[in-house]
Amino acid sequence: MGHTLTFEVPEKVYDSLRKSAAHIGQLPEVLAANLLAEATERLENDPLEEFIGTLKGSIPNWADSHDQYIGKSVRNSMDNTKDN
């Protein structure tokens, strides 16, 4: 059984959604529903979820900023590769 959601999004978000939907031949509403379903599926099936909060570290904002730290590490390793 499906449910109907009604919510407002900023113009910029809607324009991006509309363009992406048109590119693949879908209505923005259908694409939005599919994106929400995919995000929910990823959250429900996160293989690392059982480990959340189990590791201690010295970086206080690791949970919030891990993507930035990983990206910086990758960039640094790529810079080091260029130097060799």
Protein backbone atom coordinates (compact mmCIF):
# COMPACT_ATOMS: atom_id res chain seq x y z
CA MET A 1 0.00 0.00 0.00
CA GLY A 2 1.35 3.41 -0.93
CA HIS A 3 1.07 6.69 0.90
CA THR A 4 0.89 10.22 -0.42
CA LEU A 5 3.34 12.84 0.80
CA THR A 6 3.03 16.53 0.05
CA PHE A 7 5.96 18.82 0.77
CA GLU A 8 7.65 21.92 -0.57
CA VAL A 9 11.18 22.01 -1.90
CA PRO A 10 13.29 25.02 -2.86
CA GLU A 11 13.13 26.12 -6.50
CA LYS A 12 16.73 25.03 -7.07
CA VAL A 13 15.96 21.50 -5.83
CA TYR A 14 12.82 21.25 -7.96
CA ASP A 15 14.60 22.51 -11.08
CA SER A 16 17.32 19.90 -10.63
CA LEU A 17 14.72 17.18 -10.04
CA ARG A 18 12.68 18.30 -13.06
CA LYS A 19 15.72 18.30 -15.36
CA SER A 20 16.92 14.90 -14.14
CA ALA A 21 13.44 13.43 -14.53
CA ALA A 22 13.06 14.83 -18.05
CA HIS A 23 16.46 13.41 -18.98
CA ILE A 24 15.29 9.88 -18.15
CA GLY A 25 11.70 10.32 -19.33
CA GLN A 26 10.00 10.38 -15.92
CA LEU A 27 7.82 12.80 -14.03
CA PRO A 28 9.57 14.69 -11.22
CA GLU A 29 7.18 13.12 -8.71
CA VAL A 30 8.08 9.60 -9.86
CA LEU A 31 11.80 10.32 -9.72
CA ALA A 32 11.47 11.85 -6.23
CA ALA A 33 9.59 8.78 -4.99
CA ASN A 34 12.23 6.48 -6.50
CA LEU A 35 15.06 8.48 -4.93
CA LEU A 36 13.39 8.32 -1.52
CA ALA A 37 12.84 4.56 -1.89
CA GLU A 38 16.50 4.03 -2.85
CA ALA A 39 17.73 6.14 0.08
CA THR A 40 15.52 4.20 2.47
CA GLU A 41 16.77 0.89 1.08
CA ARG A 42 20.40 1.97 1.58
CA LEU A 43 19.71 3.02 5.17
CA GLU A 44 17.90 -0.22 5.98
CA ASN A 45 20.63 -2.39 4.47
CA ASP A 46 23.75 -0.58 5.66
CA PRO A 47 26.30 -3.35 6.28
CA LEU A 48 28.28 -1.12 8.64
CA GLU A 49 25.37 0.00 10.80
CA GLU A 50 26.12 -2.57 13.50
CA PHE A 51 29.53 -0.95 14.00
CA ILE A 52 28.25 2.62 14.39
CA GLY A 53 29.36 3.94 17.76
CA THR A 54 31.57 0.96 18.59
CA LEU A 55 34.91 2.48 17.62
CA LYS A 56 36.77 4.99 19.74
CA GLY A 57 38.93 7.59 18.07
CA SER A 58 40.85 10.76 18.76
CA ILE A 59 39.01 12.83 16.14
CA PRO A 60 35.90 14.29 17.81
CA ASN A 61 33.96 15.14 14.63
CA TRP A 62 34.84 12.00 12.64
CA ALA A 63 31.20 10.88 12.32
CA ASP A 64 30.12 14.21 10.84
CA SER A 65 33.20 14.90 8.72
CA HIS A 66 34.48 11.48 7.63
CA ASP A 67 33.85 12.15 3.93
CA GLN A 68 36.04 15.26 4.11
CA TYR A 69 38.82 13.37 5.89
CA ILE A 70 38.72 10.50 3.41
CA GLY A 71 38.64 12.91 0.47
CA LYS A 72 41.60 14.84 1.85
CA SER A 73 43.55 11.61 2.35
CA VAL A 74 42.83 10.46 -1.21
CA ARG A 75 43.81 13.87 -2.61
CA ASN A 76 47.05 13.84 -0.61
CA SER A 77 47.93 10.35 -1.81
CA MET A 78 47.25 11.40 -5.41
CA ASP A 79 49.44 14.48 -4.95
CA ASN A 80 52.23 12.28 -3.58
CA THR A 81 51.90 9.97 -6.60
CA LYS A 82 52.33 12.92 -8.98
CA ASP A 83 55.55 13.93 -7.24
CA ASN A 84 57.18 10.53 -7.84
